[in-house]
Amino acid sequence: MVTTMDQTGRLVIPSQIRREASLQPGTPLDVRWRDGVLEIEPQPLPVVLQRKGRLLVATPTGRVPVLRTATVERTRRDLSGRRGRD
């Protein structure tokens, strides 16, 4: 997909990519220039590790966006498609 940058440096991420990456307005993004390539990715969710019984559980330190049904279904579909290839 092709997009352009405006005069103030803003870049529009096409809606299909935003949907596939589950990017919502206000999502913090890391932007890097590495080896001649511009990389944009969502910041990792900050978590703390807590022991719950015998398990070590990652617990978010801040608010977490609501998990949407469409995101769950897309992830299930992607994982089931990979199962035969791994």
PDB file of N, CA and C in Angstrom:
ATOM      1  N   MET A   1       0.847  -1.176   0.000  1.00  0.00           N
ATOM      2  CA  MET A   1       0.000   0.000   0.000  1.00  0.00           C
ATOM      3  C   MET A   1       0.886   1.230   0.000  1.00  0.00           C
ATOM      4  N   VAL A   2       0.388   2.251  -0.620  1.00  0.00           N
ATOM      5  CA  VAL A   2       1.138   3.500  -0.709  1.00  0.00           C
ATOM      6  C   VAL A   2       0.378   4.577   0.049  1.00  0.00           C
ATOM      7  N   THR A   3       1.110   5.383   0.807  1.00  0.00           N
ATOM      8  CA  THR A   3       0.539   6.523   1.501  1.00  0.00           C
ATOM      9  C   THR A   3       1.527   7.666   1.388  1.00  0.00           C
ATOM     10  N   THR A   4       1.113   8.857   1.734  1.00  0.00           N
ATOM     11  CA  THR A   4       2.012  10.008   1.666  1.00  0.00           C
ATOM     12  C   THR A   4       2.040  10.714   3.013  1.00  0.00           C
ATOM     13  N   MET A   5       3.071  11.507   3.200  1.00  0.00           N
ATOM     14  CA  MET A   5       3.230  12.291   4.405  1.00  0.00           C
ATOM     15  C   MET A   5       2.819  13.724   4.079  1.00  0.00           C
ATOM     16  N   ASP A   6       2.124  14.384   5.005  1.00  0.00           N
ATOM     17  CA  ASP A   6       1.715  15.765   4.745  1.00  0.00           C
ATOM     18  C   ASP A   6       2.823  16.744   5.123  1.00  0.00           C
ATOM     19  N   GLN A   7       2.562  18.028   4.965  1.00  0.00           N
ATOM     20  CA  GLN A   7       3.562  19.076   5.197  1.00  0.00           C
ATOM     21  C   GLN A   7       4.084  19.089   6.634  1.00  0.00           C
ATOM     22  N   THR A   8       3.266  18.671   7.589  1.00  0.00           N
ATOM     23  CA  THR A   8       3.691  18.701   8.992  1.00  0.00           C
ATOM     24  C   THR A   8       4.311  17.380   9.443  1.00  0.00           C
ATOM     25  N   GLY A   9       4.454  16.414   8.527  1.00  0.00           N
ATOM     26  CA  GLY A   9       5.099  15.151   8.847  1.00  0.00           C
ATOM     27  C   GLY A   9       4.149  14.054   9.281  1.00  0.00           C
ATOM     28  N   ARG A  10       2.848  14.308   9.203  1.00  0.00           N
ATOM     29  CA  ARG A  10       1.879  13.283   9.593  1.00  0.00           C
ATOM     30  C   ARG A  10       1.747  12.241   8.500  1.00  0.00           C
ATOM     31  N   LEU A  11       1.611  11.009   8.942  1.00  0.00           N
ATOM     32  CA  LEU A  11       1.509   9.877   8.032  1.00  0.00           C
ATOM     33  C   LEU A  11       0.202   9.155   8.327  1.00  0.00           C
ATOM     34  N   VAL A  12      -0.572   8.888   7.291  1.00  0.00           N
ATOM     35  CA  VAL A  12      -1.824   8.152   7.463  1.00  0.00           C
ATOM     36  C   VAL A  12      -1.535   6.676   7.235  1.00  0.00           C
ATOM     37  N   ILE A  13      -1.862   5.862   8.240  1.00  0.00           N
ATOM     38  CA  ILE A  13      -1.725   4.415   8.101  1.00  0.00           C
ATOM     39  C   ILE A  13      -3.028   3.915   7.486  1.00  0.00           C
ATOM     40  N   PRO A  14      -2.970   3.247   6.340  1.00  0.00           N
ATOM     41  CA  PRO A  14      -4.200   2.793   5.685  1.00  0.00           C
ATOM     42  C   PRO A  14      -5.085   1.971   6.615  1.00  0.00           C
ATOM     43  N   SER A  15      -6.399   2.104   6.436  1.00  0.00           N
ATOM     44  CA  SER A  15      -7.364   1.473   7.342  1.00  0.00           C
ATOM     45  C   SER A  15      -7.209  -0.047   7.394  1.00  0.00           C
ATOM     46  N   GLN A  16      -6.898  -0.679   6.277  1.00  0.00           N
ATOM     47  CA  GLN A  16      -6.734  -2.139   6.276  1.00  0.00           C
ATOM     48  C   GLN A  16      -5.587  -2.553   7.198  1.00  0.00           C
ATOM     49  N   ILE A  17      -4.496  -1.807   7.155  1.00  0.00           N
ATOM     50  CA  ILE A  17      -3.353  -2.119   8.024  1.00  0.00           C
ATOM     51  C   ILE A  17      -3.712  -1.841   9.475  1.00  0.00           C
ATOM     52  N   ARG A  18      -4.392  -0.716   9.740  1.00  0.00           N
ATOM     53  CA  ARG A  18      -4.811  -0.412  11.117  1.00  0.00           C
ATOM     54  C   ARG A  18      -5.708  -1.517  11.657  1.00  0.00           C
ATOM     55  N   ARG A  19      -6.618  -1.995  10.836  1.00  0.00           N
ATOM     56  CA  ARG A  19      -7.547  -3.051  11.257  1.00  0.00           C
ATOM     57  C   ARG A  19      -6.781  -4.353  11.529  1.00  0.00           C
ATOM     58  N   GLU A  20      -5.908  -4.762  10.619  1.00  0.00           N
ATOM     59  CA  GLU A  20      -5.157  -6.005  10.777  1.00  0.00           C
ATOM     60  C   GLU A  20      -4.218  -5.953  11.980  1.00  0.00           C
ATOM     61  N   ALA A  21      -3.666  -4.766  12.272  1.00  0.00           N
ATOM     62  CA  ALA A  21      -2.733  -4.608  13.394  1.00  0.00           C
ATOM     63  C   ALA A  21      -3.458  -4.253  14.690  1.00  0.00           C
ATOM     64  N   SER A  22      -4.781  -4.145  14.634  1.00  0.00           N
ATOM     65  CA  SER A  22      -5.592  -3.760  15.801  1.00  0.00           C
ATOM     66  C   SER A  22      -5.131  -2.445  16.404  1.00  0.00           C
ATOM     67  N   LEU A  23      -4.809  -1.486  15.557  1.00  0.00           N
ATOM     68  CA  LEU A  23      -4.401  -0.161  16.028  1.00  0.00           C
ATOM     69  C   LEU A  23      -5.632   0.705  16.233  1.00  0.00           C
ATOM     70  N   GLN A  24      -5.765   1.249  17.421  1.00  0.00           N
ATOM     71  CA  GLN A  24      -6.877   2.133  17.764  1.00  0.00           C
ATOM     72  C   GLN A  24      -6.340   3.547  17.908  1.00  0.00           C
ATOM     73  N   PRO A  25      -7.181   4.577  17.729  1.00  0.00           N
ATOM     74  CA  PRO A  25      -6.718   5.950  17.961  1.00  0.00           C
ATOM     75  C   PRO A  25      -6.130   6.074  19.367  1.00  0.00           C
ATOM     76  N   GLY A  26      -5.008   6.735  19.461  1.00  0.00           N
ATOM     77  CA  GLY A  26      -4.343   6.929  20.755  1.00  0.00           C
ATOM     78  C   GLY A  26      -3.338   5.841  21.102  1.00  0.00           C
ATOM     79  N   THR A  27      -3.202   4.818  20.246  1.00  0.00           N
ATOM     80  CA  THR A  27      -2.235   3.750  20.511  1.00  0.00           C
ATOM     81  C   THR A  27      -0.824   4.321  20.441  1.00  0.00           C
ATOM     82  N   PRO A  28      -0.017   4.171  21.512  1.00  0.00           N
ATOM     83  CA  PRO A  28       1.370   4.656  21.451  1.00  0.00           C
ATOM     84  C   PRO A  28       2.183   3.793  20.484  1.00  0.00           C
ATOM     85  N   LEU A  29       2.933   4.445  19.602  1.00  0.00           N
ATOM     86  CA  LEU A  29       3.723   3.737  18.590  1.00  0.00           C
ATOM     87  C   LEU A  29       5.198   4.075  18.741  1.00  0.00           C
ATOM     88  N   ASP A  30       6.048   3.080  18.563  1.00  0.00           N
ATOM     89  CA  ASP A  30       7.493   3.302  18.480  1.00  0.00           C
ATOM     90  C   ASP A  30       7.831   3.487  17.011  1.00  0.00           C
ATOM     91  N   VAL A  31       8.591   4.540  16.698  1.00  0.00           N
ATOM     92  CA  VAL A  31       9.022   4.806  15.326  1.00  0.00           C
ATOM     93  C   VAL A  31      10.548   4.818  15.317  1.00  0.00           C
ATOM     94  N   ARG A  32      11.131   3.993  14.440  1.00  0.00           N
ATOM     95  CA  ARG A  32      12.590   3.878  14.365  1.00  0.00           C
ATOM     96  C   ARG A  32      13.053   3.960  12.910  1.00  0.00           C
ATOM     97  N   TRP A  33      14.279   4.412  12.747  1.00  0.00           N
ATOM     98  CA  TRP A  33      14.970   4.375  11.466  1.00  0.00           C
ATOM     99  C   TRP A  33      16.115   3.390  11.644  1.00  0.00           C
ATOM    100  N   ARG A  34      16.060   2.234  10.961  1.00  0.00           N
ATOM    101  CA  ARG A  34      17.061   1.199  11.153  1.00  0.00           C
ATOM    102  C   ARG A  34      17.487   0.653   9.797  1.00  0.00           C
ATOM    103  N   ASP A  35      18.758   0.776   9.505  1.00  0.00           N
ATOM    104  CA  ASP A  35      19.330   0.235   8.259  1.00  0.00           C
ATOM    105  C   ASP A  35      18.555   0.694   7.028  1.00  0.00           C
ATOM    106  N   GLY A  36      18.183   1.966   6.986  1.00  0.00           N
ATOM    107  CA  GLY A  36      17.499   2.515   5.828  1.00  0.00           C
ATOM    108  C   GLY A  36      16.020   2.182   5.752  1.00  0.00           C
ATOM    109  N   VAL A  37      15.461   1.623   6.815  1.00  0.00           N
ATOM    110  CA  VAL A  37      14.045   1.239   6.819  1.00  0.00           C
ATOM    111  C   VAL A  37      13.343   1.939   7.981  1.00  0.00           C
ATOM    112  N   LEU A  38      12.198   2.535   7.686  1.00  0.00           N
ATOM    113  CA  LEU A  38      11.373   3.142   8.721  1.00  0.00           C
ATOM    114  C   LEU A  38      10.497   2.061   9.330  1.00  0.00           C
ATOM    115  N   GLU A  39      10.588   1.869  10.648  1.00  0.00           N
ATOM    116  CA  GLU A  39       9.803   0.839  11.334  1.00  0.00           C
ATOM    117  C   GLU A  39       8.822   1.503  12.291  1.00  0.00           C
ATOM    118  N   ILE A  40       7.585   1.061  12.260  1.00  0.00           N
ATOM    119  CA  ILE A  40       6.547   1.571  13.152  1.00  0.00           C
ATOM    120  C   ILE A  40       5.884   0.366  13.796  1.00  0.00           C
ATOM    121  N   GLU A  41       5.857   0.346  15.132  1.00  0.00           N
ATOM    122  CA  GLU A  41       5.182  -0.753  15.815  1.00  0.00           C
ATOM    123  C   GLU A  41       4.579  -0.256  17.124  1.00  0.00           C
ATOM    124  N   PRO A  42       3.483  -0.890  17.548  1.00  0.00           N
ATOM    125  CA  PRO A  42       2.873  -0.500  18.820  1.00  0.00           C
ATOM    126  C   PRO A  42       3.850  -0.740  19.968  1.00  0.00           C
ATOM    127  N   GLN A  43       3.831   0.155  20.959  1.00  0.00           N
ATOM    128  CA  GLN A  43       4.674  -0.056  22.131  1.00  0.00           C
ATOM    129  C   GLN A  43       4.174  -1.279  22.884  1.00  0.00           C
ATOM    130  N   PRO A  44       5.103  -2.039  23.458  1.00  0.00           N
ATOM    131  CA  PRO A  44       4.667  -3.196  24.237  1.00  0.00           C
ATOM    132  C   PRO A  44       3.871  -2.743  25.463  1.00  0.00           C
ATOM    133  N   LEU A  45       2.947  -3.562  25.870  1.00  0.00           N
ATOM    134  CA  LEU A  45       2.133  -3.276  27.041  1.00  0.00           C
ATOM    135  C   LEU A  45       2.986  -3.473  28.285  1.00  0.00           C
ATOM    136  N   PRO A  46       3.114  -2.433  29.141  1.00  0.00           N
ATOM    137  CA  PRO A  46       3.915  -2.603  30.360  1.00  0.00           C
ATOM    138  C   PRO A  46       3.213  -3.550  31.332  1.00  0.00           C
ATOM    139  N   VAL A  47       3.956  -4.524  31.825  1.00  0.00           N
ATOM    140  CA  VAL A  47       3.395  -5.517  32.744  1.00  0.00           C
ATOM    141  C   VAL A  47       4.353  -5.731  33.913  1.00  0.00           C
ATOM    142  N   VAL A  48       3.812  -6.279  34.981  1.00  0.00           N
ATOM    143  CA  VAL A  48       4.625  -6.776  36.087  1.00  0.00           C
ATOM    144  C   VAL A  48       4.328  -8.267  36.202  1.00  0.00           C
ATOM    145  N   LEU A  49       5.342  -9.018  36.593  1.00  0.00           N
ATOM    146  CA  LEU A  49       5.158 -10.463  36.759  1.00  0.00           C
ATOM    147  C   LEU A  49       4.779 -10.739  38.208  1.00  0.00           C
ATOM    148  N   GLN A  50       3.681 -11.470  38.389  1.00  0.00           N
ATOM    149  CA  GLN A  50       3.198 -11.799  39.728  1.00  0.00           C
ATOM    150  C   GLN A  50       2.995 -13.301  39.813  1.00  0.00           C
ATOM    151  N   ARG A  51       3.331 -13.842  40.968  1.00  0.00           N
ATOM    152  CA  ARG A  51       3.132 -15.269  41.183  1.00  0.00           C
ATOM    153  C   ARG A  51       1.701 -15.494  41.644  1.00  0.00           C
ATOM    154  N   LYS A  52       1.006 -16.412  40.967  1.00  0.00           N
ATOM    155  CA  LYS A  52      -0.353 -16.816  41.345  1.00  0.00           C
ATOM    156  C   LYS A  52      -0.327 -18.324  41.476  1.00  0.00           C
ATOM    157  N   GLY A  53      -0.204 -18.779  42.708  1.00  0.00           N
ATOM    158  CA  GLY A  53      -0.027 -20.210  42.931  1.00  0.00           C
ATOM    159  C   GLY A  53       1.317 -20.639  42.371  1.00  0.00           C
ATOM    160  N   ARG A  54       1.310 -21.639  41.507  1.00  0.00           N
ATOM    161  CA  ARG A  54       2.552 -22.110  40.882  1.00  0.00           C
ATOM    162  C   ARG A  54       2.856 -21.395  39.577  1.00  0.00           C
ATOM    163  N   LEU A  55       1.957 -20.497  39.156  1.00  0.00           N
ATOM    164  CA  LEU A  55       2.120 -19.817  37.870  1.00  0.00           C
ATOM    165  C   LEU A  55       2.704 -18.424  38.040  1.00  0.00           C
ATOM    166  N   LEU A  56       3.452 -17.987  37.059  1.00  0.00           N
ATOM    167  CA  LEU A  56       3.933 -16.619  36.975  1.00  0.00           C
ATOM    168  C   LEU A  56       3.071 -15.930  35.928  1.00  0.00           C
ATOM    169  N   VAL A  57       2.354 -14.875  36.327  1.00  0.00           N
ATOM    170  CA  VAL A  57       1.362 -14.239  35.471  1.00  0.00           C
ATOM    171  C   VAL A  57       1.784 -12.801  35.182  1.00  0.00           C
ATOM    172  N   ALA A  58       1.696 -12.398  33.907  1.00  0.00           N
ATOM    173  CA  ALA A  58       1.968 -11.014  33.512  1.00  0.00           C
ATOM    174  C   ALA A  58       0.693 -10.208  33.717  1.00  0.00           C
ATOM    175  N   THR A  59       0.776  -9.172  34.562  1.00  0.00           N
ATOM    176  CA  THR A  59      -0.371  -8.324  34.864  1.00  0.00           C
ATOM    177  C   THR A  59      -0.083  -6.919  34.354  1.00  0.00           C
ATOM    178  N   PRO A  60      -0.978  -6.326  33.534  1.00  0.00           N
ATOM    179  CA  PRO A  60      -0.732  -4.983  33.009  1.00  0.00           C
ATOM    180  C   PRO A  60      -0.666  -3.951  34.132  1.00  0.00           C
ATOM    181  N   THR A  61       0.203  -2.954  33.957  1.00  0.00           N
ATOM    182  CA  THR A  61       0.348  -1.913  34.971  1.00  0.00           C
ATOM    183  C   THR A  61      -0.597  -0.740  34.732  1.00  0.00           C
ATOM    184  N   GLY A  62      -1.205  -0.670  33.573  1.00  0.00           N
ATOM    185  CA  GLY A  62      -2.127   0.421  33.258  1.00  0.00           C
ATOM    186  C   GLY A  62      -3.414  -0.109  32.663  1.00  0.00           C
ATOM    187  N   ARG A  63      -4.195   0.809  32.103  1.00  0.00           N
ATOM    188  CA  ARG A  63      -5.449   0.413  31.462  1.00  0.00           C
ATOM    189  C   ARG A  63      -5.162  -0.399  30.202  1.00  0.00           C
ATOM    190  N   VAL A  64      -5.979  -1.366  29.965  1.00  0.00           N
ATOM    191  CA  VAL A  64      -5.842  -2.222  28.791  1.00  0.00           C
ATOM    192  C   VAL A  64      -7.085  -2.029  27.939  1.00  0.00           C
ATOM    193  N   PRO A  65      -6.916  -1.820  26.621  1.00  0.00           N
ATOM    194  CA  PRO A  65      -8.100  -1.667  25.776  1.00  0.00           C
ATOM    195  C   PRO A  65      -8.952  -2.932  25.782  1.00  0.00           C
ATOM    196  N   VAL A  66     -10.241  -2.744  25.559  1.00  0.00           N
ATOM    197  CA  VAL A  66     -11.165  -3.869  25.521  1.00  0.00           C
ATOM    198  C   VAL A  66     -10.796  -4.794  24.373  1.00  0.00           C
ATOM    199  N   LEU A  67     -10.775  -6.081  24.651  1.00  0.00           N
ATOM    200  CA  LEU A  67     -10.489  -7.076  23.624  1.00  0.00           C
ATOM    201  C   LEU A  67     -11.750  -7.292  22.807  1.00  0.00           C
ATOM    202  N   ARG A  68     -11.665  -6.999  21.524  1.00  0.00           N
ATOM    203  CA  ARG A  68     -12.830  -7.089  20.653  1.00  0.00           C
ATOM    204  C   ARG A  68     -12.976  -8.497  20.065  1.00  0.00           C
ATOM    205  N   THR A  69     -14.213  -8.885  19.837  1.00  0.00           N
ATOM    206  CA  THR A  69     -14.511 -10.196  19.268  1.00  0.00           C
ATOM    207  C   THR A  69     -13.805 -10.374  17.929  1.00  0.00           C
ATOM    208  N   ALA A  70     -13.797  -9.327  17.105  1.00  0.00           N
ATOM    209  CA  ALA A  70     -13.154  -9.417  15.788  1.00  0.00           C
ATOM    210  C   ALA A  70     -11.663  -9.719  15.929  1.00  0.00           C
ATOM    211  N   THR A  71     -11.017  -9.152  16.929  1.00  0.00           N
ATOM    212  CA  THR A  71      -9.594  -9.403  17.154  1.00  0.00           C
ATOM    213  C   THR A  71      -9.365 -10.854  17.549  1.00  0.00           C
ATOM    214  N   VAL A  72     -10.204 -11.370  18.437  1.00  0.00           N
ATOM    215  CA  VAL A  72     -10.084 -12.763  18.863  1.00  0.00           C
ATOM    216  C   VAL A  72     -10.281 -13.699  17.672  1.00  0.00           C
ATOM    217  N   GLU A  73     -11.318 -13.456  16.877  1.00  0.00           N
ATOM    218  CA  GLU A  73     -11.597 -14.319  15.724  1.00  0.00           C
ATOM    219  C   GLU A  73     -10.477 -14.267  14.697  1.00  0.00           C
ATOM    220  N   ARG A  74      -9.937 -13.078  14.438  1.00  0.00           N
ATOM    221  CA  ARG A  74      -8.834 -12.955  13.480  1.00  0.00           C
ATOM    222  C   ARG A  74      -7.613 -13.721  13.985  1.00  0.00           C
ATOM    223  N   THR A  75      -7.318 -13.612  15.276  1.00  0.00           N
ATOM    224  CA  THR A  75      -6.174 -14.322  15.853  1.00  0.00           C
ATOM    225  C   THR A  75      -6.381 -15.828  15.772  1.00  0.00           C
ATOM    226  N   ARG A  76      -7.584 -16.295  16.087  1.00  0.00           N
ATOM    227  CA  ARG A  76      -7.886 -17.726  15.984  1.00  0.00           C
ATOM    228  C   ARG A  76      -7.713 -18.216  14.556  1.00  0.00           C
ATOM    229  N   ARG A  77      -8.203 -17.438  13.595  1.00  0.00           N
ATOM    230  CA  ARG A  77      -8.098 -17.815  12.185  1.00  0.00           C
ATOM    231  C   ARG A  77      -6.624 -17.862  11.756  1.00  0.00           C
ATOM    232  N   ASP A  78      -5.851 -16.858  12.172  1.00  0.00           N
ATOM    233  CA  ASP A  78      -4.424 -16.818  11.809  1.00  0.00           C
ATOM    234  C   ASP A  78      -3.675 -18.008  12.406  1.00  0.00           C
ATOM    235  N   LEU A  79      -3.967 -18.310  13.669  1.00  0.00           N
ATOM    236  CA  LEU A  79      -3.273 -19.419  14.321  1.00  0.00           C
ATOM    237  C   LEU A  79      -3.668 -20.766  13.738  1.00  0.00           C
ATOM    238  N   SER A  80      -4.933 -20.940  13.405  1.00  0.00           N
ATOM    239  CA  SER A  80      -5.353 -22.225  12.837  1.00  0.00           C
ATOM    240  C   SER A  80      -4.761 -22.410  11.438  1.00  0.00           C
ATOM    241  N   GLY A  81      -4.541 -21.325  10.720  1.00  0.00           N
ATOM    242  CA  GLY A  81      -3.916 -21.415   9.398  1.00  0.00           C
ATOM    243  C   GLY A  81      -2.448 -21.769   9.476  1.00  0.00           C
ATOM    244  N   ARG A  82      -1.791 -21.383  10.547  1.00  0.00           N
ATOM    245  CA  ARG A  82      -0.363 -21.674  10.727  1.00  0.00           C
ATOM    246  C   ARG A  82      -0.111 -23.079  11.236  1.00  0.00           C
ATOM    247  N   ARG A  83      -1.098 -23.665  11.883  1.00  0.00           N
ATOM    248  CA  ARG A  83      -0.928 -24.961  12.527  1.00  0.00           C
ATOM    249  C   ARG A  83      -0.379 -26.017  11.575  1.00  0.00           C
ATOM    250  N   GLY A  84      -0.858 -26.054  10.369  1.00  0.00           N
ATOM    251  CA  GLY A  84      -0.415 -27.052   9.407  1.00  0.00           C
ATOM    252  C   GLY A  84       0.975 -26.805   8.855  1.00  0.00           C
ATOM    253  N   ARG A  85       1.475 -25.561   8.994  1.00  0.00           N
ATOM    254  CA  ARG A  85       2.781 -25.210   8.423  1.00  0.00           C
ATOM    255  C   ARG A  85       3.920 -25.355   9.415  1.00  0.00           C
ATOM    256  N   ASP A  86       3.626 -25.385  10.708  1.00  0.00           N
ATOM    257  CA  ASP A  86       4.700 -25.435  11.719  1.00  0.00           C
ATOM    258  C   ASP A  86       5.204 -26.813  11.996  1.00  0.00           C
TER     259      ASP A  86
END
